[in-house]
Amino acid sequence: MTSINLDTQNDRYLISIDKAVFDKEWLLKLLENLRIEELTQKFDFDEDIEDLGEEIKADWWAKNKQRFINE
């Protein structure tokens, strides 16, 4: 048996995860990411939102770069 198994039933995916390999915190983070992914799929974002995100990240990096990289 592998550490992660996927089975299917009519309208469900059943995922079993070995508790000895992954701790509860890891699983909770994974579930949160899945919830976020589900929510984002419900919205019809166009490419402008992605461009805005890149602009925000670039601006933040320009203002904070010196905190992480000594030039």
C-alpha atoms as a PDB file:
ATOM      1  CA  MET A   1       0.000   0.000   0.000  1.00  0.00           C
ATOM      2  CA  THR A   2       1.312   3.454  -0.857  1.00  0.00           C
ATOM      3  CA  SER A   3       1.136   6.458   1.450  1.00  0.00           C
ATOM      4  CA  ILE A   4      -1.668   8.051  -0.612  1.00  0.00           C
ATOM      5  CA  ASN A   5      -4.463   6.116  -2.327  1.00  0.00           C
ATOM      6  CA  LEU A   6      -7.273   7.352  -4.516  1.00  0.00           C
ATOM      7  CA  ASP A   7     -10.492   5.416  -5.020  1.00  0.00           C
ATOM      8  CA  THR A   8     -13.622   6.462  -6.855  1.00  0.00           C
ATOM      9  CA  GLN A   9     -17.262   5.868  -6.111  1.00  0.00           C
ATOM     10  CA  ASN A  10     -20.193   7.106  -8.192  1.00  0.00           C
ATOM     11  CA  ASP A  11     -19.832  10.855  -7.520  1.00  0.00           C
ATOM     12  CA  ARG A  12     -16.944  10.880  -5.015  1.00  0.00           C
ATOM     13  CA  TYR A  13     -13.215  10.578  -4.833  1.00  0.00           C
ATOM     14  CA  LEU A  14     -11.998   8.829  -1.712  1.00  0.00           C
ATOM     15  CA  ILE A  15      -8.478   9.656  -0.649  1.00  0.00           C
ATOM     16  CA  SER A  16      -6.754   7.678   2.047  1.00  0.00           C
ATOM     17  CA  ILE A  17      -3.552   9.023   3.545  1.00  0.00           C
ATOM     18  CA  ASP A  18      -1.160   7.112   5.763  1.00  0.00           C
ATOM     19  CA  LYS A  19      -1.064   8.828   9.177  1.00  0.00           C
ATOM     20  CA  ALA A  20       2.452   7.549   9.729  1.00  0.00           C
ATOM     21  CA  VAL A  21       3.717   9.521   6.718  1.00  0.00           C
ATOM     22  CA  PHE A  22       1.762  12.790   6.926  1.00  0.00           C
ATOM     23  CA  ASP A  23       0.831  14.639  10.082  1.00  0.00           C
ATOM     24  CA  LYS A  24      -2.498  16.320  10.794  1.00  0.00           C
ATOM     25  CA  GLU A  25      -1.149  19.841  10.195  1.00  0.00           C
ATOM     26  CA  TRP A  26      -0.001  18.880   6.695  1.00  0.00           C
ATOM     27  CA  LEU A  27      -3.422  17.451   5.950  1.00  0.00           C
ATOM     28  CA  LEU A  28      -5.222  20.559   7.230  1.00  0.00           C
ATOM     29  CA  LYS A  29      -3.051  22.780   5.010  1.00  0.00           C
ATOM     30  CA  LEU A  30      -3.801  20.534   2.039  1.00  0.00           C
ATOM     31  CA  LEU A  31      -7.540  20.729   2.718  1.00  0.00           C
ATOM     32  CA  GLU A  32      -7.385  24.507   3.011  1.00  0.00           C
ATOM     33  CA  ASN A  33      -5.622  24.703  -0.355  1.00  0.00           C
ATOM     34  CA  LEU A  34      -8.316  22.499  -1.872  1.00  0.00           C
ATOM     35  CA  ARG A  35     -11.025  24.780  -0.445  1.00  0.00           C
ATOM     36  CA  ILE A  36      -9.317  27.837  -1.895  1.00  0.00           C
ATOM     37  CA  GLU A  37      -8.990  26.119  -5.256  1.00  0.00           C
ATOM     38  CA  GLU A  38     -12.690  25.235  -5.162  1.00  0.00           C
ATOM     39  CA  LEU A  39     -13.626  28.861  -4.459  1.00  0.00           C
ATOM     40  CA  THR A  40     -11.414  30.237  -7.219  1.00  0.00           C
ATOM     41  CA  GLN A  41     -12.992  27.871  -9.734  1.00  0.00           C
ATOM     42  CA  LYS A  42     -16.405  29.357  -8.928  1.00  0.00           C
ATOM     43  CA  PHE A  43     -15.271  32.783 -10.126  1.00  0.00           C
ATOM     44  CA  ASP A  44     -14.627  33.691 -13.726  1.00  0.00           C
ATOM     45  CA  PHE A  45     -11.453  35.728 -13.408  1.00  0.00           C
ATOM     46  CA  ASP A  46      -9.986  37.142 -16.568  1.00  0.00           C
ATOM     47  CA  GLU A  47      -6.268  37.629 -17.191  1.00  0.00           C
ATOM     48  CA  ASP A  48      -6.406  41.187 -15.820  1.00  0.00           C
ATOM     49  CA  ILE A  49      -6.643  39.855 -12.268  1.00  0.00           C
ATOM     50  CA  GLU A  50      -3.503  37.802 -12.783  1.00  0.00           C
ATOM     51  CA  ASP A  51      -1.690  40.852 -14.199  1.00  0.00           C
ATOM     52  CA  LEU A  52      -2.792  42.865 -11.166  1.00  0.00           C
ATOM     53  CA  GLY A  53      -1.434  40.172  -8.847  1.00  0.00           C
ATOM     54  CA  GLU A  54       1.922  40.206 -10.637  1.00  0.00           C
ATOM     55  CA  GLU A  55       2.040  43.998 -10.406  1.00  0.00           C
ATOM     56  CA  ILE A  56       1.306  43.882  -6.660  1.00  0.00           C
ATOM     57  CA  LYS A  57       4.026  41.257  -6.094  1.00  0.00           C
ATOM     58  CA  ALA A  58       6.566  43.219  -8.142  1.00  0.00           C
ATOM     59  CA  ASP A  59       5.792  46.414  -6.229  1.00  0.00           C
ATOM     60  CA  TRP A  60       6.055  44.629  -2.886  1.00  0.00           C
ATOM     61  CA  TRP A  61       9.351  43.011  -3.898  1.00  0.00           C
ATOM     62  CA  ALA A  62      10.800  46.361  -5.026  1.00  0.00           C
ATOM     63  CA  LYS A  63       9.958  47.869  -1.633  1.00  0.00           C
ATOM     64  CA  ASN A  64      11.107  44.908   0.484  1.00  0.00           C
ATOM     65  CA  LYS A  65      13.952  43.321  -1.484  1.00  0.00           C
ATOM     66  CA  GLN A  66      16.638  44.840   0.753  1.00  0.00           C
ATOM     67  CA  ARG A  67      15.174  43.003   3.756  1.00  0.00           C
ATOM     68  CA  PHE A  68      16.020  39.657   2.178  1.00  0.00           C
ATOM     69  CA  ILE A  69      18.992  40.288  -0.111  1.00  0.00           C
ATOM     70  CA  ASN A  70      22.100  42.215   0.853  1.00  0.00           C
ATOM     71  CA  GLU A  71      23.419  43.869  -2.257  1.00  0.00           C
END
